[in-house]
Amino acid sequence: MSGALDLVSPANRKQEEKLSFPAEFANTFGPLACLAGSNDDLFALAQGIGAVQPRLYITCKAENFFYEDNKHFVQTFSGRLNITYEELSGSHACCSDGKAV
C-alpha cells in the first residue's frame, strides 16, 4: 500500500539526480550498484517466481512519488501474477483517509 515495488528505478534516479538521501538506500539495501537482481529487487524476484504464486493486492495514489514505478510493476506482471490493483487519488499518505484499508 503505497510502497515501492521497483527499488532499482528510484535508486538509479537518486544517483543521477544527486538527491540528498541516497544513504538511506545504501544503509538499507547495501551498495546501490548491487541492488538490481538482488533479493531486494522485486522485478528480479517476480521474474523467477514458480508455480506457487502469492496473491498481490497493490494500491497506490496517483500523486505518490512511487506511482509510475508501481504502475510499471503492475503492467509488467499483471498477466503473469495474481494482482489486484487499485488506484486512488491523492499523495503518499496512504492510510490517512482509510479508503484502501
C-alpha atoms as a PDB file:
ATOM      1  CA  MET A   1       0.000   0.000   0.000  1.00  0.00           C
ATOM      2  CA  SER A   2       1.816   2.999  -1.364  1.00  0.00           C
ATOM      3  CA  GLY A   3       5.141   1.223  -1.046  1.00  0.00           C
ATOM      4  CA  ALA A   4       7.935   0.978  -3.569  1.00  0.00           C
ATOM      5  CA  LEU A   5       7.631  -2.068  -5.828  1.00  0.00           C
ATOM      6  CA  ASP A   6      10.542  -1.026  -8.002  1.00  0.00           C
ATOM      7  CA  LEU A   7      13.549  -0.033  -5.904  1.00  0.00           C
ATOM      8  CA  VAL A   8      16.015  -0.077  -8.770  1.00  0.00           C
ATOM      9  CA  SER A   9      14.459   2.836 -10.709  1.00  0.00           C
ATOM     10  CA  PRO A  10      14.309   5.240  -7.728  1.00  0.00           C
ATOM     11  CA  ALA A  11      17.829   4.202  -6.680  1.00  0.00           C
ATOM     12  CA  ASN A  12      19.096   4.976 -10.177  1.00  0.00           C
ATOM     13  CA  ARG A  13      17.292   8.327 -10.156  1.00  0.00           C
ATOM     14  CA  LYS A  14      18.844   9.149  -6.793  1.00  0.00           C
ATOM     15  CA  GLN A  15      22.302   8.534  -8.231  1.00  0.00           C
ATOM     16  CA  GLU A  16      21.583  10.568 -11.368  1.00  0.00           C
ATOM     17  CA  GLU A  17      19.846  13.473  -9.631  1.00  0.00           C
ATOM     18  CA  LYS A  18      22.203  13.593  -6.648  1.00  0.00           C
ATOM     19  CA  LEU A  19      19.280  13.715  -4.231  1.00  0.00           C
ATOM     20  CA  SER A  20      20.009  14.330  -0.571  1.00  0.00           C
ATOM     21  CA  PHE A  21      19.191  10.891   0.823  1.00  0.00           C
ATOM     22  CA  PRO A  22      20.867   8.127  -1.233  1.00  0.00           C
ATOM     23  CA  ALA A  23      22.439   6.938   2.029  1.00  0.00           C
ATOM     24  CA  GLU A  24      19.001   5.654   3.122  1.00  0.00           C
ATOM     25  CA  PHE A  25      19.035   3.179   0.244  1.00  0.00           C
ATOM     26  CA  ALA A  26      22.646   2.170   0.855  1.00  0.00           C
ATOM     27  CA  ASN A  27      22.085   1.757   4.606  1.00  0.00           C
ATOM     28  CA  THR A  28      19.017  -0.427   3.993  1.00  0.00           C
ATOM     29  CA  PHE A  29      19.942  -2.399   0.872  1.00  0.00           C
ATOM     30  CA  GLY A  30      23.727  -2.138   0.594  1.00  0.00           C
ATOM     31  CA  PRO A  31      25.606  -0.560  -2.307  1.00  0.00           C
ATOM     32  CA  LEU A  32      23.179   0.813  -4.898  1.00  0.00           C
ATOM     33  CA  ALA A  33      25.137  -0.876  -7.692  1.00  0.00           C
ATOM     34  CA  CYS A  34      24.285  -4.270  -6.130  1.00  0.00           C
ATOM     35  CA  LEU A  35      20.525  -3.673  -5.835  1.00  0.00           C
ATOM     36  CA  ALA A  36      19.475  -4.819  -9.334  1.00  0.00           C
ATOM     37  CA  GLY A  37      18.998  -8.582  -9.388  1.00  0.00           C
ATOM     38  CA  SER A  38      19.296  -8.941  -5.623  1.00  0.00           C
ATOM     39  CA  ASN A  39      16.737 -10.372  -3.191  1.00  0.00           C
ATOM     40  CA  ASP A  40      15.537  -6.779  -2.665  1.00  0.00           C
ATOM     41  CA  ASP A  41      14.706  -6.350  -6.374  1.00  0.00           C
ATOM     42  CA  LEU A  42      11.019  -7.326  -6.703  1.00  0.00           C
ATOM     43  CA  PHE A  43      11.250  -7.300 -10.513  1.00  0.00           C
ATOM     44  CA  ALA A  44      14.005  -9.924 -10.392  1.00  0.00           C
ATOM     45  CA  LEU A  45      12.137 -11.988  -7.805  1.00  0.00           C
ATOM     46  CA  ALA A  46       8.873 -11.832  -9.783  1.00  0.00           C
ATOM     47  CA  GLN A  47      10.699 -12.953 -12.937  1.00  0.00           C
ATOM     48  CA  GLY A  48      11.814 -16.117 -11.176  1.00  0.00           C
ATOM     49  CA  ILE A  49       8.592 -16.972  -9.354  1.00  0.00           C
ATOM     50  CA  GLY A  50       7.447 -20.572  -9.664  1.00  0.00           C
ATOM     51  CA  ALA A  51       4.077 -22.271  -9.902  1.00  0.00           C
ATOM     52  CA  VAL A  52       3.012 -21.338  -6.361  1.00  0.00           C
ATOM     53  CA  GLN A  53       2.318 -17.632  -6.510  1.00  0.00           C
ATOM     54  CA  PRO A  54       1.200 -15.168  -3.881  1.00  0.00           C
ATOM     55  CA  ARG A  55      -1.943 -13.140  -4.449  1.00  0.00           C
ATOM     56  CA  LEU A  56      -0.945  -9.494  -4.514  1.00  0.00           C
ATOM     57  CA  TYR A  57      -3.070  -6.501  -3.592  1.00  0.00           C
ATOM     58  CA  ILE A  58      -1.447  -3.314  -4.818  1.00  0.00           C
ATOM     59  CA  THR A  59      -2.783   0.168  -4.311  1.00  0.00           C
ATOM     60  CA  CYS A  60      -1.076   3.461  -4.947  1.00  0.00           C
ATOM     61  CA  LYS A  61      -2.279   7.023  -5.029  1.00  0.00           C
ATOM     62  CA  ALA A  62      -1.857   8.848  -8.327  1.00  0.00           C
ATOM     63  CA  GLU A  63       0.192  11.690  -6.818  1.00  0.00           C
ATOM     64  CA  ASN A  64       2.518   9.343  -4.937  1.00  0.00           C
ATOM     65  CA  PHE A  65       6.190   9.635  -5.904  1.00  0.00           C
ATOM     66  CA  PHE A  66       6.266   5.825  -6.440  1.00  0.00           C
ATOM     67  CA  TYR A  67       3.210   5.891  -8.737  1.00  0.00           C
ATOM     68  CA  GLU A  68       4.971   5.464 -12.102  1.00  0.00           C
ATOM     69  CA  ASP A  69       7.325   2.776 -10.757  1.00  0.00           C
ATOM     70  CA  ASN A  70       4.457   0.831  -9.167  1.00  0.00           C
ATOM     71  CA  LYS A  71       2.303   1.151 -12.278  1.00  0.00           C
ATOM     72  CA  HIS A  72       5.227  -0.215 -14.311  1.00  0.00           C
ATOM     73  CA  PHE A  73       5.402  -3.267 -11.984  1.00  0.00           C
ATOM     74  CA  VAL A  74       1.659  -3.909 -12.359  1.00  0.00           C
ATOM     75  CA  GLN A  75       1.797  -3.541 -16.146  1.00  0.00           C
ATOM     76  CA  THR A  76       4.821  -5.829 -16.382  1.00  0.00           C
ATOM     77  CA  PHE A  77       3.452  -8.649 -14.236  1.00  0.00           C
ATOM     78  CA  SER A  78      -0.355  -8.419 -14.400  1.00  0.00           C
ATOM     79  CA  GLY A  79      -0.502 -11.217 -16.997  1.00  0.00           C
ATOM     80  CA  ARG A  80       1.819 -13.494 -15.012  1.00  0.00           C
ATOM     81  CA  LEU A  81       0.925 -12.860 -11.370  1.00  0.00           C
ATOM     82  CA  ASN A  82      -2.362 -12.764  -9.479  1.00  0.00           C
ATOM     83  CA  ILE A  83      -2.542  -8.977  -8.939  1.00  0.00           C
ATOM     84  CA  THR A  84      -5.464  -6.925  -7.715  1.00  0.00           C
ATOM     85  CA  TYR A  85      -4.642  -3.285  -8.413  1.00  0.00           C
ATOM     86  CA  GLU A  86      -6.466  -0.255  -7.063  1.00  0.00           C
ATOM     87  CA  GLU A  87      -5.543   3.295  -7.913  1.00  0.00           C
ATOM     88  CA  LEU A  88      -6.681   6.186  -5.733  1.00  0.00           C
ATOM     89  CA  SER A  89      -6.305   9.934  -5.932  1.00  0.00           C
ATOM     90  CA  GLY A  90      -4.074  11.769  -3.522  1.00  0.00           C
ATOM     91  CA  SER A  91      -0.464  11.661  -2.386  1.00  0.00           C
ATOM     92  CA  HIS A  92       1.774   9.351  -0.356  1.00  0.00           C
ATOM     93  CA  ALA A  93      -0.264   9.426   2.884  1.00  0.00           C
ATOM     94  CA  CYS A  94      -1.808   6.061   2.016  1.00  0.00           C
ATOM     95  CA  CYS A  95      -3.775   5.274   5.107  1.00  0.00           C
ATOM     96  CA  SER A  96      -4.833   8.679   6.364  1.00  0.00           C
ATOM     97  CA  ASP A  97      -8.220   8.573   4.657  1.00  0.00           C
ATOM     98  CA  GLY A  98      -8.912   4.861   5.233  1.00  0.00           C
ATOM     99  CA  LYS A  99     -10.045   4.297   1.630  1.00  0.00           C
ATOM    100  CA  ALA A 100      -7.627   1.484   0.847  1.00  0.00           C
ATOM    101  CA  VAL A 101      -7.788  -0.194   4.225  1.00  0.00           C
END
